PDB file of N, CA and C in Angstrom:
ATOM      1  N   MET A   1      53.638  59.392 -22.060  1.00  0.00           N
ATOM      2  CA  MET A   1      55.515  59.428 -22.514  1.00  0.00           C
ATOM      3  C   MET A   1      56.232  60.341 -22.413  1.00  0.00           C
ATOM      4  N   LEU A   2      57.188  60.733 -22.279  1.00  0.00           N
ATOM      5  CA  LEU A   2      57.956  61.299 -21.729  1.00  0.00           C
ATOM      6  C   LEU A   2      59.203  62.000 -22.609  1.00  0.00           C
ATOM      7  N   GLY A   3      59.420  63.249 -23.253  1.00  0.00           N
ATOM      8  CA  GLY A   3      59.581  63.817 -24.002  1.00  0.00           C
ATOM      9  C   GLY A   3      60.406  65.216 -24.853  1.00  0.00           C
ATOM     10  N   GLY A   4      60.878  66.015 -25.517  1.00  0.00           N
ATOM     11  CA  GLY A   4      60.481  66.942 -25.619  1.00  0.00           C
ATOM     12  C   GLY A   4      59.419  67.194 -26.909  1.00  0.00           C
ATOM     13  N   MET A   5      59.063  68.627 -27.003  1.00  0.00           N
ATOM     14  CA  MET A   5      58.548  68.348 -28.429  1.00  0.00           C
ATOM     15  C   MET A   5      59.098  69.500 -29.650  1.00  0.00           C
ATOM     16  N   ASP A   6      59.924  69.494 -30.143  1.00  0.00           N
ATOM     17  CA  ASP A   6      61.010  69.511 -30.623  1.00  0.00           C
ATOM     18  C   ASP A   6      60.641  68.050 -31.439  1.00  0.00           C
ATOM     19  N   SER A   7      61.077  69.040 -32.826  1.00  0.00           N
ATOM     20  CA  SER A   7      60.371  67.324 -34.235  1.00  0.00           C
ATOM     21  C   SER A   7      61.134  66.131 -33.794  1.00  0.00           C
ATOM     22  N   SER A   8      62.332  66.294 -33.012  1.00  0.00           N
ATOM     23  CA  SER A   8      63.337  65.295 -34.067  1.00  0.00           C
ATOM     24  C   SER A   8      62.936  63.741 -32.290  1.00  0.00           C
ATOM     25  N   SER A   9      61.776  64.897 -30.925  1.00  0.00           N
ATOM     26  CA  SER A   9      62.004  64.133 -30.240  1.00  0.00           C
ATOM     27  C   SER A   9      60.824  63.496 -30.300  1.00  0.00           C
ATOM     28  N   ARG A  10      59.749  64.511 -31.208  1.00  0.00           N
ATOM     29  CA  ARG A  10      58.188  63.793 -31.503  1.00  0.00           C
ATOM     30  C   ARG A  10      58.988  62.597 -32.652  1.00  0.00           C
ATOM     31  N   PHE A  11      60.196  62.593 -33.392  1.00  0.00           N
ATOM     32  CA  PHE A  11      59.852  61.469 -34.042  1.00  0.00           C
ATOM     33  C   PHE A  11      60.886  59.664 -33.435  1.00  0.00           C
ATOM     34  N   VAL A  12      61.877  60.600 -32.795  1.00  0.00           N
ATOM     35  CA  VAL A  12      61.986  59.460 -31.582  1.00  0.00           C
ATOM     36  C   VAL A  12      60.681  58.596 -31.046  1.00  0.00           C
ATOM     37  N   LYS A  13      59.635  59.716 -31.276  1.00  0.00           N
ATOM     38  CA  LYS A  13      58.821  59.081 -29.970  1.00  0.00           C
ATOM     39  C   LYS A  13      57.776  58.585 -31.421  1.00  0.00           C
ATOM     40  N   VAL A  14      57.367  58.611 -32.019  1.00  0.00           N
ATOM     41  CA  VAL A  14      56.830  58.094 -32.805  1.00  0.00           C
ATOM     42  C   VAL A  14      57.538  56.150 -33.125  1.00  0.00           C
ATOM     43  N   ALA A  15      58.067  56.466 -33.287  1.00  0.00           N
ATOM     44  CA  ALA A  15      59.293  55.515 -34.389  1.00  0.00           C
ATOM     45  C   ALA A  15      59.320  54.099 -33.208  1.00  0.00           C
ATOM     46  N   PHE A  16      60.084  54.848 -32.190  1.00  0.00           N
ATOM     47  CA  PHE A  16      59.689  53.657 -30.468  1.00  0.00           C
ATOM     48  C   PHE A  16      58.602  53.293 -31.007  1.00  0.00           C
ATOM     49  N   THR A  17      57.245  54.268 -30.612  1.00  0.00           N
ATOM     50  CA  THR A  17      56.353  53.455 -30.352  1.00  0.00           C
ATOM     51  C   THR A  17      55.514  52.374 -31.727  1.00  0.00           C
ATOM     52  N   LEU A  18      56.325  52.585 -32.490  1.00  0.00           N
ATOM     53  CA  LEU A  18      55.650  52.051 -33.688  1.00  0.00           C
ATOM     54  C   LEU A  18      56.826  51.013 -33.757  1.00  0.00           C
ATOM     55  N   ALA A  19      57.295  50.594 -33.548  1.00  0.00           N
ATOM     56  CA  ALA A  19      58.239  49.300 -33.812  1.00  0.00           C
ATOM     57  C   ALA A  19      58.052  48.606 -32.385  1.00  0.00           C
ATOM     58  N   HIS A  20      57.744  48.744 -31.202  1.00  0.00           N
ATOM     59  CA  HIS A  20      56.785  47.979 -30.386  1.00  0.00           C
ATOM     60  C   HIS A  20      54.789  48.069 -30.321  1.00  0.00           C
ATOM     61  N   ALA A  21      54.276  48.943 -30.928  1.00  0.00           N
ATOM     62  CA  ALA A  21      52.848  48.660 -31.007  1.00  0.00           C
ATOM     63  C   ALA A  21      52.599  47.348 -32.003  1.00  0.00           C
ATOM     64  N   PRO A  22      51.422  47.128 -30.899  1.00  0.00           N
ATOM     65  CA  PRO A  22      51.344  45.323 -30.978  1.00  0.00           C
ATOM     66  C   PRO A  22      50.617  45.404 -33.061  1.00  0.00           C
ATOM     67  N   LYS A  23      51.402  43.963 -33.252  1.00  0.00           N
ATOM     68  CA  LYS A  23      50.654  43.877 -34.427  1.00  0.00           C
ATOM     69  C   LYS A  23      49.637  43.389 -35.122  1.00  0.00           C
ATOM     70  N   SER A  24      49.061  43.967 -36.213  1.00  0.00           N
ATOM     71  CA  SER A  24      47.371  43.141 -36.273  1.00  0.00           C
ATOM     72  C   SER A  24      47.470  43.049 -37.663  1.00  0.00           C
ATOM     73  N   ASP A  25      46.787  42.285 -38.231  1.00  0.00           N
ATOM     74  CA  ASP A  25      46.523  41.736 -39.606  1.00  0.00           C
ATOM     75  C   ASP A  25      45.259  42.426 -40.112  1.00  0.00           C
ATOM     76  N   ASP A  26      44.246  42.553 -39.618  1.00  0.00           N
ATOM     77  CA  ASP A  26      42.824  43.225 -39.846  1.00  0.00           C
ATOM     78  C   ASP A  26      43.916  45.295 -39.851  1.00  0.00           C
ATOM     79  N   GLU A  27      44.082  44.800 -41.660  1.00  0.00           N
ATOM     80  CA  GLU A  27      43.921  46.478 -42.053  1.00  0.00           C
ATOM     81  C   GLU A  27      43.620  47.900 -41.559  1.00  0.00           C
ATOM     82  N   THR A  28      42.246  47.251 -40.792  1.00  0.00           N
ATOM     83  CA  THR A  28      41.824  49.426 -40.253  1.00  0.00           C
ATOM     84  C   THR A  28      42.042  48.826 -38.651  1.00  0.00           C
ATOM     85  N   GLU A  29      42.565  47.996 -39.114  1.00  0.00           N
ATOM     86  CA  GLU A  29      43.138  48.301 -37.526  1.00  0.00           C
ATOM     87  C   GLU A  29      44.465  49.132 -36.816  1.00  0.00           C
ATOM     88  N   SER A  30      45.796  48.959 -37.736  1.00  0.00           N
ATOM     89  CA  SER A  30      46.324  48.357 -38.463  1.00  0.00           C
ATOM     90  C   SER A  30      46.039  49.994 -38.779  1.00  0.00           C
ATOM     91  N   VAL A  31      45.523  50.545 -39.529  1.00  0.00           N
ATOM     92  CA  VAL A  31      45.477  51.596 -39.815  1.00  0.00           C
ATOM     93  C   VAL A  31      45.293  52.878 -38.746  1.00  0.00           C
ATOM     94  N   THR A  32      43.953  52.320 -37.888  1.00  0.00           N
ATOM     95  CA  THR A  32      43.663  53.521 -36.437  1.00  0.00           C
ATOM     96  C   THR A  32      44.608  53.116 -35.904  1.00  0.00           C
ATOM     97  N   ASN A  33      45.543  52.157 -36.032  1.00  0.00           N
ATOM     98  CA  ASN A  33      46.759  51.862 -34.846  1.00  0.00           C
ATOM     99  C   ASN A  33      47.265  53.144 -34.659  1.00  0.00           C
ATOM    100  N   PHE A  34      48.362  53.647 -36.485  1.00  0.00           N
ATOM    101  CA  PHE A  34      49.549  54.730 -36.470  1.00  0.00           C
ATOM    102  C   PHE A  34      48.729  55.776 -36.888  1.00  0.00           C
ATOM    103  N   PHE A  35      47.019  56.120 -36.631  1.00  0.00           N
ATOM    104  CA  PHE A  35      47.237  57.095 -37.218  1.00  0.00           C
ATOM    105  C   PHE A  35      46.868  57.707 -35.696  1.00  0.00           C
ATOM    106  N   ASN A  36      46.621  56.822 -34.108  1.00  0.00           N
ATOM    107  CA  ASN A  36      46.493  57.309 -32.645  1.00  0.00           C
ATOM    108  C   ASN A  36      47.832  57.151 -32.962  1.00  0.00           C
ATOM    109  N   ILE A  37      49.298  56.635 -32.712  1.00  0.00           N
ATOM    110  CA  ILE A  37      50.599  57.134 -32.317  1.00  0.00           C
ATOM    111  C   ILE A  37      50.296  58.533 -33.210  1.00  0.00           C
ATOM    112  N   LEU A  38      50.365  58.379 -35.095  1.00  0.00           N
ATOM    113  CA  LEU A  38      50.481  60.698 -35.279  1.00  0.00           C
ATOM    114  C   LEU A  38      50.202  61.639 -34.185  1.00  0.00           C
ATOM    115  N   HIS A  39      48.944  60.976 -33.666  1.00  0.00           N
ATOM    116  CA  HIS A  39      48.083  61.664 -33.198  1.00  0.00           C
ATOM    117  C   HIS A  39      48.513  61.625 -31.717  1.00  0.00           C
ATOM    118  N   SER A  40      49.269  60.726 -31.396  1.00  0.00           N
ATOM    119  CA  SER A  40      50.122  61.254 -29.938  1.00  0.00           C
ATOM    120  C   SER A  40      51.018  62.133 -29.606  1.00  0.00           C
ATOM    121  N   SER A  41      51.280  62.731 -31.174  1.00  0.00           N
ATOM    122  CA  SER A  41      53.212  63.032 -30.554  1.00  0.00           C
ATOM    123  C   SER A  41      52.607  64.696 -31.424  1.00  0.00           C
ATOM    124  N   ARG A  42      51.083  64.402 -32.047  1.00  0.00           N
ATOM    125  CA  ARG A  42      51.545  65.974 -32.047  1.00  0.00           C
ATOM    126  C   ARG A  42      51.297  67.047 -31.230  1.00  0.00           C
ATOM    127  N   THR A  43      51.558  68.622 -31.772  1.00  0.00           N
ATOM    128  CA  THR A  43      51.736  70.022 -30.748  1.00  0.00           C
ATOM    129  C   THR A  43      50.219  70.500 -30.738  1.00  0.00           C
ATOM    130  N   SER A  44      50.336  71.373 -29.170  1.00  0.00           N
ATOM    131  CA  SER A  44      48.914  71.813 -29.420  1.00  0.00           C
ATOM    132  C   SER A  44      49.506  73.208 -31.343  1.00  0.00           C
ATOM    133  N   LYS A  45      49.405  73.871 -31.400  1.00  0.00           N
ATOM    134  CA  LYS A  45      49.175  75.663 -32.226  1.00  0.00           C
ATOM    135  C   LYS A  45      49.980  76.523 -31.150  1.00  0.00           C
ATOM    136  N   GLU A  46      49.795  76.955 -29.717  1.00  0.00           N
ATOM    137  CA  GLU A  46      50.341  77.123 -29.098  1.00  0.00           C
ATOM    138  C   GLU A  46      51.810  76.773 -28.163  1.00  0.00           C
ATOM    139  N   ILE A  47      52.175  76.008 -28.337  1.00  0.00           N
ATOM    140  CA  ILE A  47      53.497  75.635 -28.087  1.00  0.00           C
ATOM    141  C   ILE A  47      54.154  75.971 -28.584  1.00  0.00           C
ATOM    142  N   GLY A  48      55.206  76.826 -28.019  1.00  0.00           N
ATOM    143  CA  GLY A  48      56.558  77.235 -28.648  1.00  0.00           C
ATOM    144  C   GLY A  48      56.667  78.984 -29.388  1.00  0.00           C
ATOM    145  N   ARG A  49      55.441  79.491 -28.893  1.00  0.00           N
ATOM    146  CA  ARG A  49      54.520  80.472 -29.647  1.00  0.00           C
ATOM    147  C   ARG A  49      55.275  81.303 -29.017  1.00  0.00           C
ATOM    148  N   ASN A  50      55.815  82.972 -28.994  1.00  0.00           N
ATOM    149  CA  ASN A  50      55.940  83.904 -28.503  1.00  0.00           C
ATOM    150  C   ASN A  50      55.223  84.670 -28.509  1.00  0.00           C
ATOM    151  N   ARG A  51      54.235  84.983 -27.797  1.00  0.00           N
ATOM    152  CA  ARG A  51      53.196  86.101 -27.909  1.00  0.00           C
ATOM    153  C   ARG A  51      53.700  87.364 -26.949  1.00  0.00           C
ATOM    154  N   THR A  52      53.300  88.094 -27.539  1.00  0.00           N
ATOM    155  CA  THR A  52      53.590  89.892 -27.245  1.00  0.00           C
ATOM    156  C   THR A  52      51.608  90.357 -27.314  1.00  0.00           C
ATOM    157  N   TRP A  53      51.489  91.091 -26.264  1.00  0.00           N
ATOM    158  CA  TRP A  53      50.426  91.212 -25.313  1.00  0.00           C
ATOM    159  C   TRP A  53      50.470  92.729 -25.972  1.00  0.00           C
TER     160      TRP A  53
END
């Protein structure tokens, strides 16, 4: 999914994905899906850092 790596873009990505994610009656599957969605929006620790060598 396209989008920026700033916090508002990641928030929109998670909100959109949650709204369109398949619903499940199984609690374990629902929790797993939720964390997979959060994982998909995380950023690398290196993104956005200014390196000075």
